[in-house]
Each structure stands twice: as structure tokens, then as C-alpha cells.
Amino acid sequence: MKIIIAGAGEVGQHLAKMLSGEDHDITVIDSDAKLLDDLAGLADIVAIEGDCTTFAALRKASVRKADLFIAVNHEENINVLSAILAKQLGARKSIARIDNNEYLEPNNKEMFMNLGIDYLFYPERVAAREVINLLGHTSTTEYVDFSGGKLSLVVFPIDATSEFTGRTVGEVCAQAGEDFRPVAISRDNRTIIPHSRDRFYEGDTVYIIANAAAARKVTGYSGKTNVVIRNLMILGGSRIGVRIATELQDELNVKLIEYNAEKAYKLAEMLEKTLIINEDGRDIDAMMEEGITSMDAFVAVTGRAETNILTAMLAKRMGVKKVIAEVENLTYINLAESIGIDTIINKKQITASRIFRFTMDTDVQAIKCLTGSEAEVLEFVVKPDAPITRSTLRTAGFPNDATIGGIVRGDKVFIPNADFQINAYDRAVVFALPAAIPKIGRYFN
């Protein structure tokens, strides 16, 4: 597939590196020559220096031959304009990153589609929704719904009190029956697709696919209990922080800490039911004075990963039950998880999840790139006469570095065993390591 990425910033670089490993023909347009040089040293791309809103730069990138045009500049207006131009010049699909929630309202969204933009995505909005979802599942590090909540991915670390500790996958599956299945284990910075004899150890992070009923009870196996969130502290008046406060201020007691005084005053006018505090979140005395020890949850979403990690560590040591931090520097993620931060939010991976499905030939309903793991979870719609429908899973030859965790067939949900037969139009939730992703699409197509 020929893919053009407009913007060589952090998100553009992450996408280029990820997609260039999938044998795509990648071209990146940016007006900053240094960013392009840095990226060319990290990924197999064609770099074009220029303004992506000009016909000259778009034609130089051969936009008329592009299967996919992705605009991920820092400036929303540039993204929207370049995506419209790219579609008009012949790109098959055109995608733009935006920073305005108003654009995603149904009537407005339709207007952009009429102009030629196939998909608008707002990473900060998705990140805020993930945080809000996790605040309702405090014993998990990640919680993702598929097929309208009929299946869920539940992720949690195993500690000494967990019922999984020391047991094999086969033993756990025998207990679970058809309710849930462990589909992956993260151990020592690597991800394992487990088989029946693999054993769970303290310190592992386990990934489980469960039906709706089991998803509510499976977190009990983590050794932790869900905490009801009543008091929430948010550090950082970023777009993510503001969206979280906006959606939760009617339900919870929300405090938002913002270092910049001018911004704090504006937020106070905008968020009527949120207590806005102008303080430095790195000041331990100030945070104690503002009541961090009485918080049920703490969310750090400033623009600096270091600040988010340090303040999240402080919150954890002060006894806050659920601590979430935004960490955009990918090299810091494992560090942040190893020091006890419950959940890491990363906009690059959120963006990758949203865009990656447009690069696949198979009908992919959803993709989730998992923070702190190499793996991805994909939801496929099975085509008529697809190879996976011609035999049981035992004889289908499905790759070892991928596993089918759950099947949705109409209103019925199945956790399939080796003798299960998949039918056309089933929805299959698949957990896969990177090497398997190019292979698995053909089974469902």
C-alpha cells in the first residue's frame, strides 16, 4: 500500500516507523528538513521537504497514486486542508488529526466527509475516554470493549495474592470453562502467547478475553478489588485533562491542578463544577495541602512525561488507589510501569490504533495497540468462504504468535476451544504479536 504521512512530528514519526515495518511504501511530507533527516535514519521512507497544503508538495509525493493519506501535523487547519486537497487530487482514503471536538458532532462530521475526508480522529478525546473507562475498572491496568461490550479485554498485574499465581494456563482455563481465556502474558519486557502448560508468576501482567458476565468478575483474580471513585485529582489543564473534568465534574468531586496562572483562571471560568488550583504538582507540600492523600484517583496529564511520572509516584506513595499517567516518551513506559503506576496513556499508540486498521485489506472493526506490550488486539469480521471457516481451529494452521480469544455470533458469545468452527460474518477478537499481524488477515478475508 502507498501511504503518505503529512507531518514528521512525534505522531508522524511513530506511524512511519510502525507502518514501514509492514512492507508499505511510505512517503513523509514536512517543511522541517531536520525532522525528515532524523526520521529517514529510523525508518525506510521517502522524505519530501515542503508544505503539505501546496499542490507542488502533494504532486511531488504522487498523491494521486496514494492508497492512504494521513495528516498528523500539530496544526489542525493544516491537517484538514491537506486531507481535503489530497482526496481531490486522487488519494483513495484521506484521514486528518483534529483538536476540536465540535468537528466530530454528526452533522459537522458529515460535512467533512462531503469535502472528501474519510476519517477524523482526535487523540486527546480518545485518551480521555480511556481514562474515564479505567476509572470505572480500578483493579485493571487496561480495559477494552469489543462488539459493543459483548467481549472485553481485561489486563492486570499478578501479585502474590492472585489466584493465578503458580498455576498453569490449562488449570485456569479449566476453571473458567467458556467464560474467559488468558490470551497473553507480559513478562520481563516481552509478550508471550501462552499455551496450556505455561505457568503464571508473581509480577506477570496477564491479558484476558472475557464475555460480558465474566469481565465483571475476572478482575477478582488479580488479588485487587474495584474502588469506587468519588474524589479525583487531575494534574494538568491539557486537552485530555479538560475533557476528563468536563465529563466527570457532575458525578465526582474533581480537583484540577494547573501550574500556569493565566490558564488556571480560564479553566475556572470554563469548568464551573471543578475546583481549579494554581499550583506546581511537583511541590509535595502543596499537593499535601490540596488533599492528595484523600483522593481515590489521580490522573497526571501535563505535557511532560517526567512530571507525570514523578507526581504519579508521589500519589501512589500517598495511598491513592488508582493512578494514571500520560507518558508520550515510549522509552519511559516500561520504567513507569515498573515503579507501580497503574495505567499509562500514550497518544501515539492511541493514534496508531485508530489508523492501523485503514492499512489492512481485511475488514477490521477495531484495533488496540497495547501500552507496555508488543502485542495488538484486532476485531475481524469473517468473510464468506474465508479460510478460517473451512476447518476447526485445531487444523486451521493459525500462527503460533497469535490466538483467537473470542467469537461473537449475533447475540451469542463464544470463548472458542481447538474444536470450534468459525462461521461467515462472525466477529473474531484476535490477540497477535507484530510478526503475526501481516499473516492473520488472510484467514478472515
Protein backbone atom coordinates (compact mmCIF):
# COMPACT_ATOMS: atom_id res chain seq x y z
CA MET A 1 0.00 0.00 0.00
CA LYS A 2 1.23 3.50 -0.83
CA ILE A 3 0.83 5.70 2.25
CA ILE A 4 1.60 9.42 2.56
CA ILE A 5 2.05 10.92 6.03
CA ALA A 6 1.84 14.70 6.29
CA GLY A 7 3.79 15.72 9.39
CA ALA A 8 7.06 14.35 10.77
CA GLY A 9 6.40 15.23 14.41
CA GLU A 10 6.15 12.65 17.19
CA VAL A 11 2.91 11.09 15.94
CA GLY A 12 4.05 11.09 12.30
CA GLN A 13 7.37 9.50 13.25
CA HIS A 14 5.66 6.79 15.29
CA LEU A 15 3.30 5.98 12.41
CA ALA A 16 6.11 5.97 9.83
CA LYS A 17 8.25 3.60 11.91
CA MET A 18 5.33 1.29 12.60
CA LEU A 19 3.97 1.17 9.05
CA SER A 20 7.36 0.92 7.30
CA GLY A 21 7.84 -2.40 9.06
CA GLU A 22 4.70 -3.72 7.34
CA ASP A 23 6.14 -3.55 3.78
CA HIS A 24 4.19 -0.42 2.84
CA ASP A 25 5.53 2.29 0.54
CA ILE A 26 5.79 5.27 2.95
CA THR A 27 6.27 8.92 1.97
CA VAL A 28 6.52 11.65 4.62
CA ILE A 29 6.00 15.37 3.89
CA ASP A 30 7.22 18.08 6.28
CA SER A 31 8.69 21.55 5.99
CA ASP A 32 11.33 20.77 8.66
CA ALA A 33 14.37 19.20 6.98
CA LYS A 34 15.93 18.09 10.28
CA LEU A 35 12.84 16.14 11.34
CA LEU A 36 12.83 14.39 7.97
CA ASP A 37 16.55 13.56 8.23
CA ASP A 38 16.06 12.10 11.71
CA LEU A 39 13.13 10.02 10.54
CA ALA A 40 14.91 8.78 7.42
CA GLY A 41 17.59 7.34 9.71
CA LEU A 42 14.98 5.39 11.68
CA ALA A 43 12.58 4.13 9.00
CA ASP A 44 12.52 3.17 5.34
CA ILE A 45 10.69 6.19 3.92
CA VAL A 46 10.75 8.69 1.07
CA ALA A 47 11.18 12.16 2.61
CA ILE A 48 9.77 15.24 0.88
CA GLU A 49 10.57 18.68 2.25
CA GLY A 50 7.69 21.05 1.64
CA ASP A 51 4.31 22.42 2.70
CA CYS A 52 1.67 19.67 2.60
CA THR A 53 -1.04 22.23 1.82
CA THR A 54 0.58 23.09 -1.53
CA PHE A 55 -0.19 21.34 -4.80
CA ALA A 56 3.52 21.17 -5.59
CA ALA A 57 4.41 19.12 -2.48
CA LEU A 58 1.40 16.84 -2.83
CA ARG A 59 2.11 16.16 -6.50
CA LYS A 60 5.79 15.55 -5.75
CA ALA A 61 4.63 12.89 -3.28
CA SER A 62 2.50 11.31 -6.07
CA VAL A 63 -0.67 11.80 -4.05
CA ARG A 64 -2.84 10.64 -6.98
CA LYS A 65 -1.36 7.14 -6.53
CA ALA A 66 -1.80 7.11 -2.73
CA ASP A 67 -3.99 4.47 -1.13
CA LEU A 68 -3.98 6.36 2.16
CA PHE A 69 -3.18 9.97 3.11
CA ILE A 70 -2.70 10.69 6.84
CA ALA A 71 -2.40 14.31 8.07
CA VAL A 72 -0.89 14.47 11.58
CA ASN A 73 0.68 17.93 11.82
CA HIS A 74 0.45 19.94 15.05
CA GLU A 75 -1.87 22.45 13.34
CA GLU A 76 -5.44 21.25 12.89
CA ASN A 77 -6.16 23.62 9.98
CA ILE A 78 -3.18 22.29 8.04
CA ASN A 79 -4.40 18.73 8.55
CA VAL A 80 -7.93 19.44 7.40
CA LEU A 81 -6.86 21.42 4.33
CA SER A 82 -4.17 18.96 3.24
CA ALA A 83 -6.53 15.98 3.68
CA ILE A 84 -9.18 17.66 1.52
CA LEU A 85 -6.62 18.54 -1.18
CA ALA A 86 -5.14 15.04 -1.13
CA LYS A 87 -8.56 13.45 -1.70
CA GLN A 88 -9.38 15.88 -4.51
CA LEU A 89 -6.03 15.09 -6.15
CA GLY A 90 -6.74 11.37 -6.19
CA ALA A 91 -5.86 9.73 -2.84
CA ARG A 92 -8.18 6.77 -2.21
CA LYS A 93 -8.61 7.47 1.51
CA SER A 94 -7.84 10.62 3.45
CA ILE A 95 -7.51 10.96 7.25
CA ALA A 96 -6.93 14.05 9.41
CA ARG A 97 -6.00 14.56 13.05
CA ILE A 98 -8.07 17.30 14.70
CA ASP A 99 -8.11 19.14 18.03
CA ASN A 100 -11.73 20.31 18.02
CA ASN A 101 -14.48 18.15 19.49
CA GLU A 102 -17.10 20.18 17.62
CA TYR A 103 -15.91 18.68 14.32
CA LEU A 104 -16.97 15.20 15.49
CA GLU A 105 -20.62 16.08 16.00
CA PRO A 106 -22.68 14.03 13.50
CA ASN A 107 -23.82 16.89 11.24
CA ASN A 108 -20.38 18.51 11.17
CA LYS A 109 -18.65 15.17 10.60
CA GLU A 110 -20.85 14.55 7.57
CA MET A 111 -19.84 17.94 6.17
CA PHE A 112 -16.15 16.94 6.29
CA MET A 113 -16.95 13.63 4.62
CA ASN A 114 -18.66 15.53 1.80
CA LEU A 115 -15.46 17.55 1.42
CA GLY A 116 -13.50 14.30 0.98
CA ILE A 117 -12.13 13.44 4.43
CA ASP A 118 -12.90 9.80 5.19
CA TYR A 119 -11.99 9.85 8.88
CA LEU A 120 -11.33 12.48 11.55
CA PHE A 121 -9.58 11.47 14.75
CA TYR A 122 -8.99 13.38 17.96
CA PRO A 123 -6.38 11.52 20.07
CA GLU A 124 -6.97 13.59 23.20
CA ARG A 125 -10.68 12.75 23.17
CA VAL A 126 -9.96 9.02 22.83
CA ALA A 127 -7.34 9.23 25.60
CA ALA A 128 -9.85 10.96 27.89
CA ARG A 129 -12.46 8.27 27.18
CA GLU A 130 -9.89 5.57 28.03
CA VAL A 131 -9.12 7.27 31.35
CA ILE A 132 -12.82 7.59 32.22
CA ASN A 133 -13.39 3.92 31.33
CA LEU A 134 -10.46 2.86 33.53
CA LEU A 135 -11.75 4.89 36.47
CA GLY A 136 -14.74 2.55 36.39
CA HIS A 137 -12.45 -0.53 36.49
CA THR A 138 -9.85 0.41 39.07
CA SER A 139 -8.40 -3.09 39.55
CA THR A 140 -7.28 -3.27 35.88
CA THR A 141 -4.46 -1.55 34.00
CA GLU A 142 -6.37 -1.67 30.70
CA TYR A 143 -9.98 -2.47 29.87
CA VAL A 144 -11.20 -2.54 26.26
CA ASP A 145 -14.66 -3.47 24.97
CA PHE A 146 -15.28 -5.19 21.62
CA SER A 147 -18.52 -5.81 19.70
CA GLY A 148 -20.44 -3.32 21.80
CA GLY A 149 -19.25 -4.80 25.10
CA LYS A 150 -20.12 -8.43 24.32
CA LEU A 151 -16.41 -9.23 24.70
CA SER A 152 -13.83 -7.36 26.77
CA LEU A 153 -10.06 -7.38 27.13
CA VAL A 154 -9.09 -7.16 30.79
CA VAL A 155 -5.43 -6.53 31.76
CA PHE A 156 -3.99 -6.72 35.27
CA PRO A 157 -0.70 -7.48 37.07
CA ILE A 158 -0.45 -10.67 39.12
CA ASP A 159 0.68 -10.30 42.71
CA ALA A 160 1.20 -12.81 45.50
CA THR A 161 -2.49 -12.77 46.44
CA SER A 162 -3.77 -13.54 42.93
CA GLU A 163 -5.50 -16.87 42.31
CA PHE A 164 -3.42 -17.20 39.11
CA THR A 165 -0.03 -17.20 40.86
CA GLY A 166 1.79 -20.51 40.36
CA ARG A 167 -0.97 -22.07 38.25
CA THR A 168 -0.80 -23.12 34.59
CA VAL A 169 -2.90 -21.64 31.79
CA GLY A 170 -4.58 -25.03 31.37
CA GLU A 171 -5.65 -25.07 35.02
CA VAL A 172 -7.03 -21.54 34.77
CA CYS A 173 -8.91 -22.33 31.54
CA ALA A 174 -10.40 -25.50 33.08
CA GLN A 175 -11.75 -23.35 35.92
CA ALA A 176 -13.01 -20.65 33.57
CA GLY A 177 -14.88 -23.00 31.23
CA GLU A 178 -16.33 -20.89 28.41
CA ASP A 179 -16.33 -17.60 30.34
CA PHE A 180 -12.83 -16.23 29.67
CA ARG A 181 -9.39 -17.10 28.35
CA PRO A 182 -5.88 -15.79 29.10
CA VAL A 183 -4.53 -14.75 25.69
CA ALA A 184 -1.15 -13.27 26.61
CA ILE A 185 1.38 -12.81 29.40
CA SER A 186 3.80 -9.90 29.63
CA ARG A 187 6.97 -10.89 31.49
CA ASP A 188 10.40 -9.20 31.67
CA ASN A 189 9.57 -6.73 28.86
CA ARG A 190 8.43 -9.43 26.42
CA THR A 191 4.98 -10.68 25.49
CA ILE A 192 4.14 -14.40 25.39
CA ILE A 193 1.18 -16.05 23.66
CA PRO A 194 0.58 -18.74 26.32
CA HIS A 195 -0.14 -22.45 25.87
CA SER A 196 -1.77 -24.77 28.38
CA ARG A 197 1.47 -25.72 30.18
CA ASP A 198 2.72 -22.15 30.62
CA ARG A 199 2.61 -21.02 34.23
CA PHE A 200 1.71 -17.64 35.77
CA TYR A 201 4.19 -16.00 38.14
CA GLU A 202 4.06 -13.06 40.51
CA GLY A 203 4.99 -9.90 38.58
CA ASP A 204 3.44 -11.08 35.30
CA THR A 205 0.84 -8.95 33.55
CA VAL A 206 -1.99 -11.10 32.20
CA TYR A 207 -4.29 -10.29 29.26
CA ILE A 208 -7.72 -11.95 29.34
CA ILE A 209 -10.56 -12.03 26.83
CA ALA A 210 -13.89 -12.46 28.64
CA ASN A 211 -17.59 -12.38 27.92
CA ALA A 212 -19.68 -9.61 29.47
CA ALA A 213 -20.62 -11.57 32.61
CA ALA A 214 -17.10 -12.84 33.26
CA ALA A 215 -15.47 -9.44 32.65
CA ARG A 216 -17.14 -8.13 35.79
CA LYS A 217 -15.79 -10.92 37.98
CA VAL A 218 -12.45 -11.76 36.33
CA THR A 219 -10.67 -8.81 37.91
CA GLY A 220 -11.15 -10.55 41.26
CA TYR A 221 -8.41 -12.95 40.18
CA SER A 222 -5.92 -10.07 40.26
CA GLY A 223 -5.99 -10.02 44.05
CA LYS A 224 -7.27 -6.43 43.96
CA THR A 225 -10.75 -5.04 44.44
CA ASN A 226 -12.50 -2.30 42.50
CA VAL A 227 -12.55 1.02 44.33
CA VAL A 228 -15.49 3.38 43.96
CA ILE A 229 -14.13 6.72 42.78
CA ARG A 230 -15.62 9.76 44.48
CA ASN A 231 -12.65 12.16 44.73
CA LEU A 232 -10.49 12.72 41.64
CA MET A 233 -7.40 14.90 41.24
CA ILE A 234 -6.21 15.81 37.72
CA LEU A 235 -2.75 17.29 37.18
CA GLY A 236 -2.55 19.40 34.03
CA GLY A 237 -5.08 21.56 32.23
CA SER A 238 -4.28 19.88 28.91
CA ARG A 239 -6.98 18.94 26.41
CA ILE A 240 -7.11 15.47 27.98
CA GLY A 241 -7.38 16.91 31.50
CA VAL A 242 -10.14 19.34 30.50
CA ARG A 243 -12.17 16.61 28.74
CA ILE A 244 -11.92 14.29 31.75
CA ALA A 245 -13.03 17.08 34.09
CA THR A 246 -15.86 18.15 31.75
CA GLU A 247 -17.32 14.64 31.59
CA LEU A 248 -16.90 13.76 35.27
CA GLN A 249 -17.48 17.00 37.19
CA ASP A 250 -21.23 16.32 37.54
CA GLU A 251 -20.59 12.89 39.09
CA LEU A 252 -17.38 13.27 41.11
CA ASN A 253 -15.56 15.78 43.30
CA VAL A 254 -12.91 16.91 40.81
CA LYS A 255 -9.81 19.00 41.55
CA LEU A 256 -7.64 20.13 38.63
CA ILE A 257 -4.10 21.39 39.31
CA GLU A 258 -2.68 23.80 36.71
CA TYR A 259 0.76 25.44 37.03
CA ASN A 260 0.09 28.34 34.61
CA ALA A 261 -1.91 31.05 36.43
CA GLU A 262 -3.48 32.57 33.31
CA LYS A 263 -4.61 29.16 32.08
CA ALA A 264 -5.94 28.28 35.54
CA TYR A 265 -8.20 31.36 35.54
CA LYS A 266 -9.57 30.44 32.09
CA LEU A 267 -10.24 26.88 33.22
CA ALA A 268 -12.07 28.16 36.31
CA GLU A 269 -14.48 30.03 34.01
CA MET A 270 -14.88 27.00 31.73
CA LEU A 271 -15.29 24.24 34.34
CA GLU A 272 -17.90 25.52 36.79
CA LYS A 273 -18.13 22.38 38.95
CA THR A 274 -14.39 21.60 39.02
CA LEU A 275 -12.13 23.14 41.67
CA ILE A 276 -9.20 24.69 39.76
CA ILE A 277 -5.99 25.09 41.77
CA ASN A 278 -2.98 27.12 40.58
CA GLU A 279 -0.07 25.10 42.00
CA ASP A 280 3.05 23.20 40.95
CA GLY A 281 2.22 19.49 41.06
CA ARG A 282 5.86 18.66 41.82
CA ASP A 283 5.65 20.53 45.13
CA ILE A 284 4.97 17.81 47.71
CA ASP A 285 3.89 20.23 50.45
CA ALA A 286 1.45 21.96 48.10
CA MET A 287 -0.04 18.63 46.96
CA MET A 288 -0.43 17.51 50.58
CA GLU A 289 -2.17 20.77 51.39
CA GLU A 290 -4.56 20.27 48.46
CA GLY A 291 -5.57 16.88 49.83
CA ILE A 292 -3.83 14.33 47.63
CA THR A 293 -3.96 11.79 50.48
CA SER A 294 -7.78 11.87 50.45
CA MET A 295 -8.08 11.22 46.70
CA ASP A 296 -9.46 7.95 45.30
CA ALA A 297 -7.81 8.52 41.92
CA PHE A 298 -5.03 10.69 40.47
CA VAL A 299 -4.55 11.41 36.74
CA ALA A 300 -1.36 13.16 35.52
CA VAL A 301 -1.76 14.59 32.01
CA THR A 302 0.66 17.52 31.75
CA GLY A 303 2.75 17.89 28.60
CA ARG A 304 5.85 16.49 30.34
CA ALA A 305 6.29 12.76 30.87
CA GLU A 306 8.83 13.31 33.66
CA THR A 307 6.39 15.46 35.66
CA ASN A 308 3.58 12.95 35.12
CA ILE A 309 5.73 10.01 36.28
CA LEU A 310 7.10 11.81 39.36
CA THR A 311 3.72 13.09 40.53
CA ALA A 312 2.07 9.72 39.86
CA MET A 313 4.77 8.08 42.03
CA LEU A 314 4.01 10.62 44.76
CA ALA A 315 0.28 9.92 44.55
CA LYS A 316 0.87 6.17 44.77
CA ARG A 317 3.07 6.58 47.86
CA MET A 318 0.40 8.77 49.44
CA GLY A 319 -2.06 5.90 49.20
CA VAL A 320 -4.12 6.90 46.14
CA LYS A 321 -5.79 3.70 44.91
CA LYS A 322 -5.87 4.38 41.13
CA VAL A 323 -3.05 6.31 39.46
CA ILE A 324 -2.94 7.05 35.72
CA ALA A 325 -0.17 8.95 33.88
CA GLU A 326 0.23 10.17 30.32
CA VAL A 327 3.69 9.14 29.07
CA GLU A 328 4.45 10.15 25.48
CA ASN A 329 8.11 9.11 25.55
CA LEU A 330 7.89 5.42 24.61
CA THR A 331 11.22 4.62 26.29
CA TYR A 332 9.75 5.67 29.66
CA ILE A 333 6.72 3.36 29.56
CA ASN A 334 8.37 0.25 31.00
CA LEU A 335 10.04 2.39 33.68
CA ALA A 336 6.71 3.96 34.63
CA GLU A 337 5.00 0.58 34.89
CA SER A 338 7.87 -0.95 36.89
CA ILE A 339 7.61 1.69 39.63
CA GLY A 340 3.96 0.96 40.35
CA ILE A 341 1.96 3.40 38.20
CA ASP A 342 -1.32 1.60 37.49
CA THR A 343 -2.00 2.69 33.92
CA ILE A 344 -0.06 4.51 31.21
CA ILE A 345 -1.79 6.56 28.49
CA ASN A 346 0.11 7.21 25.25
CA LYS A 347 -1.40 9.28 22.42
CA LYS A 348 0.98 7.86 19.80
CA GLN A 349 -0.30 4.36 20.43
CA ILE A 350 -3.89 5.58 20.57
CA THR A 351 -3.40 7.24 17.17
CA ALA A 352 -1.72 4.13 15.76
CA SER A 353 -4.68 2.00 16.93
CA ARG A 354 -7.12 4.27 15.13
CA ILE A 355 -5.20 4.44 11.86
CA PHE A 356 -3.69 0.98 11.56
CA ARG A 357 -6.98 -0.67 10.55
CA PHE A 358 -7.10 1.52 7.41
CA THR A 359 -3.88 -0.14 6.22
CA MET A 360 -5.29 -3.68 6.27
CA ASP A 361 -7.07 -5.42 3.37
CA THR A 362 -9.30 -7.42 5.73
CA ASP A 363 -12.45 -5.97 7.30
CA VAL A 364 -11.07 -4.88 10.69
CA GLN A 365 -13.64 -3.32 13.01
CA ALA A 366 -11.18 -2.26 15.71
CA ILE A 367 -7.51 -2.41 16.63
CA LYS A 368 -5.99 -1.69 20.01
CA CYS A 369 -2.22 -1.19 20.32
CA LEU A 370 -1.48 -2.14 23.92
CA THR A 371 0.65 0.14 26.10
CA GLY A 372 3.68 -1.63 27.57
CA SER A 373 3.26 -4.63 25.28
CA GLU A 374 4.39 -5.52 21.78
CA ALA A 375 1.00 -7.08 21.01
CA GLU A 376 -2.16 -5.77 19.41
CA VAL A 377 -5.78 -6.84 19.68
CA LEU A 378 -7.84 -6.87 16.49
CA GLU A 379 -11.54 -7.43 15.83
CA PHE A 380 -12.22 -9.04 12.42
CA VAL A 381 -15.49 -9.63 10.57
CA VAL A 382 -15.21 -13.04 8.89
CA LYS A 383 -15.93 -13.01 5.15
CA PRO A 384 -17.94 -15.77 3.41
CA ASP A 385 -15.71 -18.69 2.40
CA ALA A 386 -12.74 -17.27 4.35
CA PRO A 387 -10.04 -19.92 5.03
CA ILE A 388 -10.78 -19.88 8.78
CA THR A 389 -14.36 -21.15 8.09
CA ARG A 390 -13.21 -24.32 6.31
CA SER A 391 -11.96 -26.26 9.32
CA THR A 392 -11.81 -26.27 13.10
CA LEU A 393 -9.28 -24.02 14.84
CA ARG A 394 -7.17 -27.10 15.62
CA THR A 395 -6.46 -27.73 11.91
CA ALA A 396 -6.68 -24.16 10.56
CA GLY A 397 -2.91 -23.59 10.78
CA PHE A 398 -3.35 -20.32 12.66
CA PRO A 399 0.04 -18.71 13.53
CA ASN A 400 1.57 -19.63 16.92
CA ASP A 401 2.22 -15.96 17.72
CA ALA A 402 -1.49 -15.14 17.57
CA THR A 403 -4.59 -16.53 19.26
CA ILE A 404 -8.34 -16.18 18.76
CA GLY A 405 -9.68 -15.12 22.14
CA GLY A 406 -13.41 -14.76 21.49
CA ILE A 407 -16.15 -15.03 18.86
CA VAL A 408 -19.37 -13.02 18.63
CA ARG A 409 -22.13 -14.62 16.51
CA GLY A 410 -25.23 -12.46 16.55
CA ASP A 411 -26.21 -12.19 20.21
CA LYS A 412 -24.15 -15.23 21.24
CA VAL A 413 -20.58 -15.07 22.58
CA PHE A 414 -18.10 -17.96 22.48
CA ILE A 415 -14.68 -18.45 24.02
CA PRO A 416 -13.52 -20.98 21.39
CA ASN A 417 -11.59 -24.17 22.02
CA ALA A 418 -9.50 -26.08 19.47
CA ASP A 419 -12.56 -27.88 18.06
CA PHE A 420 -14.57 -24.69 17.47
CA GLN A 421 -15.72 -23.91 13.90
CA ILE A 422 -15.93 -20.25 12.87
CA ASN A 423 -18.73 -19.17 10.51
CA ALA A 424 -19.03 -16.39 7.95
CA TYR A 425 -19.97 -12.99 9.46
CA ASP A 426 -18.72 -13.97 12.92
CA ARG A 427 -16.72 -11.30 14.73
CA ALA A 428 -13.38 -12.66 15.92
CA VAL A 429 -11.24 -10.93 18.55
CA VAL A 430 -7.60 -11.85 17.92
CA PHE A 431 -4.53 -11.19 20.08
CA ALA A 432 -1.37 -11.03 17.94
CA LEU A 433 2.34 -10.27 18.18
CA PRO A 434 3.79 -7.98 15.46
CA ALA A 435 5.20 -10.79 13.31
CA ALA A 436 1.77 -12.42 13.04
CA ILE A 437 -0.23 -9.33 12.03
CA PRO A 438 0.62 -9.45 8.27
CA LYS A 439 -0.28 -13.16 8.22
CA ILE A 440 -3.58 -13.30 10.07
CA GLY A 441 -5.72 -11.10 7.80
CA ARG A 442 -5.90 -13.70 5.05
CA TYR A 443 -7.57 -16.21 7.39
CA PHE A 444 -10.62 -13.95 7.70
CA ASN A 445 -10.72 -12.46 4.20
